[in-house]
Protein backbone atom coordinates (compact mmCIF):
# COMPACT_ATOMS: atom_id res chain seq x y z
CA MET A 1 98.31 89.52 156.12
CA ILE A 2 99.13 93.10 155.35
CA HIS A 3 102.70 94.08 156.49
CA VAL A 4 102.53 97.69 157.82
CA ARG A 5 105.82 99.56 158.43
CA TYR A 6 106.54 102.72 160.10
CA PHE A 7 109.77 104.91 159.38
CA ALA A 8 111.60 107.77 161.10
CA ARG A 9 109.21 109.75 163.74
CA LEU A 10 106.46 107.72 163.00
CA ARG A 11 108.10 104.61 164.25
CA GLU A 12 109.27 106.47 167.39
CA GLN A 13 105.73 107.49 168.00
CA VAL A 14 103.96 104.35 167.33
CA GLY A 15 107.04 102.50 169.39
CA SER A 16 107.43 99.88 166.73
CA ALA A 17 109.02 99.30 163.23
CA GLY A 18 105.73 97.56 161.95
CA GLU A 19 102.94 95.13 162.50
CA GLU A 20 100.92 92.54 160.54
CA ILE A 21 97.17 93.29 159.95
CA GLU A 22 94.77 90.80 158.86
CA ALA A 23 93.70 91.56 155.17
CA ALA A 24 90.02 92.18 154.83
CA SER A 25 87.48 93.02 151.95
CA ASP A 26 87.22 96.69 153.71
CA LEU A 27 91.07 97.06 153.30
CA ALA A 28 91.30 97.50 149.73
CA THR A 29 93.24 101.05 149.65
CA VAL A 30 96.14 102.72 151.50
CA ALA A 31 93.42 105.17 152.69
CA ASP A 32 91.43 102.03 154.14
CA ILE A 33 94.50 100.99 156.23
CA ALA A 34 95.27 104.44 157.45
CA ALA A 35 91.56 104.80 158.42
CA ARG A 36 91.59 101.40 160.32
CA LEU A 37 94.79 102.30 162.11
CA ARG A 38 93.36 105.69 163.09
CA GLN A 39 90.33 103.98 164.70
CA ARG A 40 92.55 102.49 167.32
CA GLY A 41 93.18 106.10 168.89
CA SER A 42 96.58 107.60 169.82
CA PRO A 43 99.26 107.24 168.68
CA TRP A 44 97.99 106.14 165.11
CA SER A 45 95.13 108.80 165.18
CA ASP A 46 97.76 111.37 165.88
CA ILE A 47 100.23 110.43 163.17
CA LEU A 48 97.74 109.49 160.42
CA ARG A 49 95.57 112.41 160.95
CA GLN A 50 93.96 113.65 157.51
CA ASP A 51 95.52 117.02 157.76
CA GLN A 52 99.06 115.56 158.53
CA THR A 53 101.49 115.02 155.67
CA VAL A 54 102.50 111.25 155.66
CA MET A 55 103.85 109.59 152.84
CA ALA A 56 102.94 105.96 151.85
CA ALA A 57 104.45 103.22 149.89
CA VAL A 58 103.06 100.00 148.80
CA ASN A 59 105.71 97.33 148.06
CA GLN A 60 108.32 99.86 147.95
CA GLU A 61 106.68 102.11 145.38
CA MET A 62 105.49 105.37 146.20
CA ALA A 63 101.62 105.56 146.76
CA ARG A 64 98.42 107.64 147.06
CA PRO A 65 95.29 107.07 149.37
CA GLU A 66 93.47 105.40 146.58
CA THR A 67 96.37 102.66 145.69
CA PRO A 68 95.09 99.35 145.94
CA VAL A 69 96.49 96.94 148.72
CA LYS A 70 96.08 93.28 148.87
CA ASP A 71 96.76 90.45 150.89
CA GLY A 72 100.73 90.02 151.26
CA ASP A 73 101.67 93.55 150.49
CA GLU A 74 103.57 95.76 152.40
CA VAL A 75 102.36 99.34 153.22
CA ALA A 76 105.02 101.83 154.70
CA PHE A 77 104.06 105.07 156.29
CA PHE A 78 106.99 107.90 156.63
CA PRO A 79 107.12 111.54 157.00
CA PRO A 80 108.06 113.71 153.97
CA VAL A 81 111.79 113.97 153.36
CA THR A 82 113.43 116.99 152.32
CA GLY A 83 116.78 117.20 150.46
CA GLY A 84 119.07 119.91 149.38
């Protein structure tokens, strides 16, 4: 299983802090996970649009779309954070 977590406004839009999705050979990267979730339609297709700025982490380390994902990993999606 891949543990997907949503934070901040993404959690509010999805209505859940997280979920589990079955690991599969076509889910090899963060981009693959986002694409699979977008296929579900709204709200995932809204929050994970390719023109939206959404950050990702794999196992609590910042990740890029091409970052590998494997069974047992945690993939977190969250909006960019600003500070000052």
